[in-house]
C-alpha atoms as a PDB file:
ATOM      1  CA  MET A   1      -3.528  10.464  31.747  1.00  0.00           C
ATOM      2  CA  SER A   2      -1.845   9.120  28.760  1.00  0.00           C
ATOM      3  CA  THR A   3      -2.635  10.782  25.283  1.00  0.00           C
ATOM      4  CA  ARG A   4      -1.130   7.646  23.604  1.00  0.00           C
ATOM      5  CA  LEU A   5      -3.289   5.645  21.655  1.00  0.00           C
ATOM      6  CA  PRO A   6      -3.217   1.700  22.055  1.00  0.00           C
ATOM      7  CA  ALA A   7      -1.602  -0.223  19.305  1.00  0.00           C
ATOM      8  CA  PRO A   8      -4.436  -1.365  17.285  1.00  0.00           C
ATOM      9  CA  ARG A   9      -6.329   2.022  17.413  1.00  0.00           C
ATOM     10  CA  ARG A  10      -2.995   3.494  16.084  1.00  0.00           C
ATOM     11  CA  ILE A  11      -3.042   0.839  13.361  1.00  0.00           C
ATOM     12  CA  ALA A  12      -6.477   1.271  12.722  1.00  0.00           C
ATOM     13  CA  LEU A  13      -5.804   5.172  12.354  1.00  0.00           C
ATOM     14  CA  MET A  14      -2.992   4.516  10.005  1.00  0.00           C
ATOM     15  CA  VAL A  15      -4.985   2.684   7.722  1.00  0.00           C
ATOM     16  CA  LEU A  16      -7.480   5.105   7.536  1.00  0.00           C
ATOM     17  CA  LEU A  17      -4.950   7.997   6.903  1.00  0.00           C
ATOM     18  CA  SER A  18      -3.398   5.833   4.096  1.00  0.00           C
ATOM     19  CA  ALA A  19      -6.682   5.354   2.464  1.00  0.00           C
ATOM     20  CA  VAL A  20      -7.643   9.137   2.586  1.00  0.00           C
ATOM     21  CA  LEU A  21      -4.045   9.917   1.097  1.00  0.00           C
ATOM     22  CA  ALA A  22      -4.426   7.239  -1.499  1.00  0.00           C
ATOM     23  CA  GLY A  23      -7.603   9.294  -2.568  1.00  0.00           C
ATOM     24  CA  CYS A  24      -6.089  12.461  -2.459  1.00  0.00           C
ATOM     25  CA  ALA A  25      -3.118  10.990  -4.662  1.00  0.00           C
ATOM     26  CA  SER A  26      -5.075   9.449  -7.118  1.00  0.00           C
ATOM     27  CA  GLY A  27      -4.683  11.762  -9.622  1.00  0.00           C
ATOM     28  CA  SER A  28      -7.681  13.466 -11.812  1.00  0.00           C
ATOM     29  CA  ILE A  29      -9.833   9.967 -11.018  1.00  0.00           C
ATOM     30  CA  GLY A  30     -10.190  10.511  -7.646  1.00  0.00           C
ATOM     31  CA  SER A  31     -13.938   9.537  -6.915  1.00  0.00           C
ATOM     32  CA  PHE A  32     -15.789   6.494  -7.791  1.00  0.00           C
ATOM     33  CA  PRO A  33     -18.102   8.466 -10.106  1.00  0.00           C
ATOM     34  CA  ASN A  34     -15.023   9.727 -11.607  1.00  0.00           C
ATOM     35  CA  LEU A  35     -13.598   6.157 -12.148  1.00  0.00           C
ATOM     36  CA  LEU A  36     -16.871   5.061 -13.990  1.00  0.00           C
ATOM     37  CA  ARG A  37     -16.812   8.093 -16.344  1.00  0.00           C
ATOM     38  CA  ARG A  38     -13.059   7.265 -17.134  1.00  0.00           C
ATOM     39  CA  ILE A  39     -13.829   3.696 -17.780  1.00  0.00           C
ATOM     40  CA  GLU A  40     -16.777   4.405 -19.842  1.00  0.00           C
ATOM     41  CA  SER A  41     -15.413   7.073 -22.000  1.00  0.00           C
ATOM     42  CA  GLY A  42     -11.754   5.917 -21.855  1.00  0.00           C
ATOM     43  CA  ASP A  43     -10.670   6.203 -25.455  1.00  0.00           C
ATOM     44  CA  THR A  44      -7.307   7.378 -25.577  1.00  0.00           C
ATOM     45  CA  ARG A  45      -4.010   6.175 -24.553  1.00  0.00           C
ATOM     46  CA  SER A  46      -3.589   8.536 -21.648  1.00  0.00           C
ATOM     47  CA  ASP A  47      -7.119   7.505 -20.297  1.00  0.00           C
ATOM     48  CA  HIS A  48      -5.860   3.553 -20.033  1.00  0.00           C
ATOM     49  CA  GLU A  49      -2.430   4.630 -18.528  1.00  0.00           C
ATOM     50  CA  GLU A  50      -4.249   6.810 -16.251  1.00  0.00           C
ATOM     51  CA  LEU A  51      -6.539   3.761 -14.994  1.00  0.00           C
ATOM     52  CA  ALA A  52      -3.527   1.804 -15.006  1.00  0.00           C
ATOM     53  CA  GLY A  53      -1.763   4.042 -12.408  1.00  0.00           C
ATOM     54  CA  TYR A  54      -5.094   4.318 -10.353  1.00  0.00           C
ATOM     55  CA  TYR A  55      -5.044   0.678  -9.930  1.00  0.00           C
ATOM     56  CA  ASP A  56      -1.505   0.384  -9.393  1.00  0.00           C
ATOM     57  CA  ARG A  57      -2.106   2.700  -6.216  1.00  0.00           C
ATOM     58  CA  GLN A  58      -5.094   0.779  -5.109  1.00  0.00           C
ATOM     59  CA  ALA A  59      -2.922  -2.266  -5.483  1.00  0.00           C
ATOM     60  CA  ALA A  60      -0.232  -0.637  -3.291  1.00  0.00           C
ATOM     61  CA  LEU A  61      -2.809   0.261  -0.444  1.00  0.00           C
ATOM     62  CA  ALA A  62      -3.958  -3.115  -0.537  1.00  0.00           C
ATOM     63  CA  ARG A  63      -0.450  -4.386   0.170  1.00  0.00           C
ATOM     64  CA  THR A  64       0.086  -1.837   2.745  1.00  0.00           C
ATOM     65  CA  ILE A  65      -3.068  -2.956   4.738  1.00  0.00           C
ATOM     66  CA  ALA A  66      -1.661  -6.500   4.537  1.00  0.00           C
ATOM     67  CA  ALA A  67       1.495  -5.759   5.548  1.00  0.00           C
ATOM     68  CA  GLU A  68       0.191  -3.965   8.771  1.00  0.00           C
ATOM     69  CA  HIS A  69      -2.259  -6.685   9.466  1.00  0.00           C
ATOM     70  CA  ARG A  70       0.902  -9.228   9.187  1.00  0.00           C
ATOM     71  CA  ARG A  71       2.487  -7.055  11.821  1.00  0.00           C
ATOM     72  CA  MET A  72      -0.896  -7.176  13.810  1.00  0.00           C
ATOM     73  CA  SER A  73      -0.877 -11.077  13.565  1.00  0.00           C
ATOM     74  CA  GLN A  74       2.660 -11.187  14.806  1.00  0.00           C
ATOM     75  CA  SER A  75       1.801  -8.838  18.070  1.00  0.00           C
ATOM     76  CA  TYR A  76      -1.029 -10.853  18.613  1.00  0.00           C
ATOM     77  CA  GLU A  77       0.776 -14.102  18.655  1.00  0.00           C
ATOM     78  CA  GLY A  78       3.156 -12.644  21.161  1.00  0.00           C
ATOM     79  CA  VAL A  79       0.587 -10.948  23.376  1.00  0.00           C
ATOM     80  CA  PHE A  80      -1.648 -14.048  23.698  1.00  0.00           C
ATOM     81  CA  ALA A  81       0.857 -16.655  23.791  1.00  0.00           C
ATOM     82  CA  GLY A  82       0.491 -18.980  26.530  1.00  0.00           C
ATOM     83  CA  GLY A  83      -2.888 -19.512  26.598  1.00  0.00           C
ATOM     84  CA  ARG A  84      -4.282 -16.160  27.871  1.00  0.00           C
ATOM     85  CA  GLY A  85      -7.173 -16.342  25.612  1.00  0.00           C
ATOM     86  CA  ALA A  86      -8.100 -14.629  21.999  1.00  0.00           C
ATOM     87  CA  ALA A  87      -6.001 -17.116  20.068  1.00  0.00           C
ATOM     88  CA  SER A  88      -8.127 -16.441  16.986  1.00  0.00           C
ATOM     89  CA  LEU A  89      -6.962 -12.832  16.525  1.00  0.00           C
ATOM     90  CA  PRO A  90      -3.759 -13.830  14.689  1.00  0.00           C
ATOM     91  CA  ALA A  91      -5.926 -15.946  12.273  1.00  0.00           C
ATOM     92  CA  HIS A  92      -8.168 -13.297  11.679  1.00  0.00           C
ATOM     93  CA  CYS A  93      -5.358 -10.901  10.796  1.00  0.00           C
ATOM     94  CA  LYS A  94      -3.702 -13.563   8.476  1.00  0.00           C
ATOM     95  CA  SER A  95      -7.409 -13.870   6.852  1.00  0.00           C
ATOM     96  CA  ILE A  96      -7.015 -10.215   6.262  1.00  0.00           C
ATOM     97  CA  VAL A  97      -3.622 -10.461   4.765  1.00  0.00           C
ATOM     98  CA  ASP A  98      -4.751 -13.073   2.270  1.00  0.00           C
ATOM     99  CA  TYR A  99      -7.839 -11.160   1.309  1.00  0.00           C
ATOM    100  CA  GLN A 100      -5.973  -7.837   0.875  1.00  0.00           C
ATOM    101  CA  MET A 101      -3.000  -9.559  -1.141  1.00  0.00           C
ATOM    102  CA  GLY A 102      -5.862 -11.031  -3.613  1.00  0.00           C
ATOM    103  CA  ILE A 103      -7.067  -7.536  -4.089  1.00  0.00           C
ATOM    104  CA  ALA A 104      -3.854  -6.075  -4.621  1.00  0.00           C
ATOM    105  CA  ALA A 105      -3.061  -9.055  -7.281  1.00  0.00           C
ATOM    106  CA  ALA A 106      -6.294  -8.284  -8.982  1.00  0.00           C
ATOM    107  CA  TYR A 107      -5.569  -4.618  -8.907  1.00  0.00           C
ATOM    108  CA  GLU A 108      -2.364  -5.528 -10.827  1.00  0.00           C
ATOM    109  CA  GLY A 109      -4.174  -7.516 -13.326  1.00  0.00           C
ATOM    110  CA  LEU A 110      -6.464  -4.626 -14.202  1.00  0.00           C
ATOM    111  CA  ALA A 111      -3.359  -2.052 -14.359  1.00  0.00           C
ATOM    112  CA  ALA A 112      -1.608  -4.724 -16.819  1.00  0.00           C
ATOM    113  CA  ASP A 113      -4.856  -5.029 -19.001  1.00  0.00           C
ATOM    114  CA  HIS A 114      -5.138  -1.191 -19.218  1.00  0.00           C
ATOM    115  CA  ARG A 115      -1.358  -1.040 -20.112  1.00  0.00           C
ATOM    116  CA  GLN A 116      -2.143  -3.411 -22.615  1.00  0.00           C
ATOM    117  CA  ILE A 117      -5.100  -1.542 -23.909  1.00  0.00           C
ATOM    118  CA  ALA A 118      -2.921   1.634 -24.131  1.00  0.00           C
ATOM    119  CA  ALA A 119      -0.257  -0.299 -26.189  1.00  0.00           C
ATOM    120  CA  ARG A 120      -2.542  -1.080 -29.046  1.00  0.00           C
ATOM    121  CA  PRO A 121      -1.536   0.190 -32.360  1.00  0.00           C
ATOM    122  CA  MET A 122      -4.937   2.183 -32.591  1.00  0.00           C
ATOM    123  CA  PHE A 123      -3.836   4.157 -30.080  1.00  0.00           C
ATOM    124  CA  LYS A 124      -0.393   4.718 -31.371  1.00  0.00           C
ATOM    125  CA  ALA A 125      -2.007   5.672 -34.813  1.00  0.00           C
ATOM    126  CA  ARG A 126      -4.397   8.200 -33.036  1.00  0.00           C
ATOM    127  CA  HIS A 127      -1.465   9.636 -31.057  1.00  0.00           C
ATOM    128  CA  GLU A 128       0.405  10.047 -34.024  1.00  0.00           C
ATOM    129  CA  GLN A 129      -2.756  11.888 -35.771  1.00  0.00           C
ATOM    130  CA  MET A 130      -3.284  14.251 -32.682  1.00  0.00           C
ATOM    131  CA  ARG A 131       0.585  15.104 -32.770  1.00  0.00           C
ATOM    132  CA  ARG A 132       0.567  16.194 -36.499  1.00  0.00           C
ATOM    133  CA  ARG A 133      -2.402  18.480 -35.746  1.00  0.00           C
ATOM    134  CA  ASP A 134      -0.625  20.246 -33.272  1.00  0.00           C
END
């Protein structure tokens, strides 16, 4: 009896593990309610920089998922070559790749916007005021 998981299950397990680890590594934002609080109350440069970092990590996760499905598509093409059926499987994987790459681009846009907000002069002035008080 083999204890080795089939390739699709191993990949699914890796995706799930990646998502869990990304959640653990997401800094103080962590959960969705914390993300909403940070968005609603984000009034410092560090708030916006942290949001940008969160969105960068989400983009990286989406790119990881896309890369995994790209490899799955190639595997399916090799396995089902020659008319053995299930020819739509590579197309499904390619669709997921496109979808995840779009998500990554959207997260990168959010991160860039928060970096622009963090760079605004009002945050620089506020940061200088806070440093003077210390």
